[in-house]
Amino acid sequence: MAQAGKGRLNYRCPSCFLRDIDMDMFYDRDRDEYYCLRCQYRGKEADVLAKNELARFRYGAMHRRFTFEEED
């Protein structure tokens, strides 16, 4: 088995990320795909990016401040 190596960028595993686990994926040059050591997820770069975009909706309002006005 080839030595596991990080890809060009550190992509988060979309399957683990939906469960609030911050796990980096590794890149397999022979198969040209990314894989997760924790949950056995594997996919091409475009698939990983698309699924990470779906997971981002959970944190879309992370930097917004919500205030509630009290009625008099």
Protein backbone atom coordinates (compact mmCIF):
# COMPACT_ATOMS: atom_id res chain seq x y z
CA MET A 1 0.00 0.00 0.00
CA ALA A 2 1.27 3.44 -0.86
CA GLN A 3 2.29 5.85 1.84
CA ALA A 4 -0.60 8.13 2.81
CA GLY A 5 0.08 11.75 2.01
CA LYS A 6 -1.72 15.03 2.36
CA GLY A 7 -3.11 16.53 -0.82
CA ARG A 8 -2.45 19.97 -2.20
CA LEU A 9 -4.95 21.43 0.25
CA ASN A 10 -6.26 20.11 3.53
CA TYR A 11 -9.80 19.02 2.71
CA ARG A 12 -12.16 18.06 5.50
CA CYS A 13 -13.97 14.75 5.27
CA PRO A 14 -17.62 15.63 4.50
CA SER A 15 -18.98 12.56 6.26
CA CYS A 16 -17.08 13.25 9.48
CA PHE A 17 -17.69 17.01 9.25
CA LEU A 18 -21.47 16.47 9.29
CA ARG A 19 -20.98 14.66 12.59
CA ASP A 20 -18.91 17.57 13.99
CA ILE A 21 -15.62 15.71 13.64
CA ASP A 22 -12.82 17.72 12.07
CA MET A 23 -10.90 15.08 10.12
CA ASP A 24 -8.47 15.86 7.31
CA MET A 25 -8.49 13.70 4.21
CA PHE A 26 -5.50 12.07 2.54
CA TYR A 27 -4.75 11.93 -1.16
CA ASP A 28 -4.04 8.73 -3.12
CA ARG A 29 -2.04 9.61 -6.25
CA ASP A 30 -2.50 6.18 -7.83
CA ARG A 31 -6.29 6.41 -7.77
CA ASP A 32 -6.47 10.22 -7.99
CA GLU A 33 -8.90 10.45 -5.08
CA TYR A 34 -9.12 11.58 -1.48
CA TYR A 35 -9.94 9.27 1.41
CA CYS A 36 -10.63 9.43 5.14
CA LEU A 37 -8.86 7.15 7.58
CA ARG A 38 -11.64 7.39 10.15
CA CYS A 39 -14.84 6.65 8.24
CA GLN A 40 -13.66 5.04 4.98
CA TYR A 41 -15.13 7.83 2.82
CA ARG A 42 -13.39 8.25 -0.54
CA GLY A 43 -14.06 10.44 -3.54
CA LYS A 44 -12.68 12.64 -6.27
CA GLU A 45 -11.75 16.26 -5.53
CA ALA A 46 -14.93 17.64 -7.15
CA ASP A 47 -17.11 15.27 -5.08
CA VAL A 48 -15.38 16.26 -1.84
CA LEU A 49 -15.75 19.98 -2.61
CA ALA A 50 -19.44 19.61 -3.51
CA LYS A 51 -20.24 17.72 -0.32
CA ASN A 52 -18.28 20.19 1.79
CA GLU A 53 -20.40 23.00 0.31
CA LEU A 54 -23.53 21.14 1.47
CA ALA A 55 -22.10 20.93 4.98
CA ARG A 56 -21.34 24.67 5.12
CA PHE A 57 -25.00 25.62 5.50
CA ARG A 58 -24.76 24.57 9.15
CA TYR A 59 -22.25 27.32 9.84
CA GLY A 60 -23.56 29.98 7.47
CA ALA A 61 -24.59 32.34 10.28
CA MET A 62 -21.63 31.65 12.52
CA HIS A 63 -20.30 35.22 12.37
CA ARG A 64 -23.68 36.96 12.60
CA ARG A 65 -24.98 38.37 15.84
CA PHE A 66 -28.63 37.83 16.62
CA THR A 67 -30.34 40.22 19.00
CA PHE A 68 -33.88 40.14 20.25
CA GLU A 69 -35.68 43.35 21.06
CA GLU A 70 -37.87 43.30 24.11
CA GLU A 71 -41.37 44.72 23.84
CA ASP A 72 -42.27 47.56 26.21
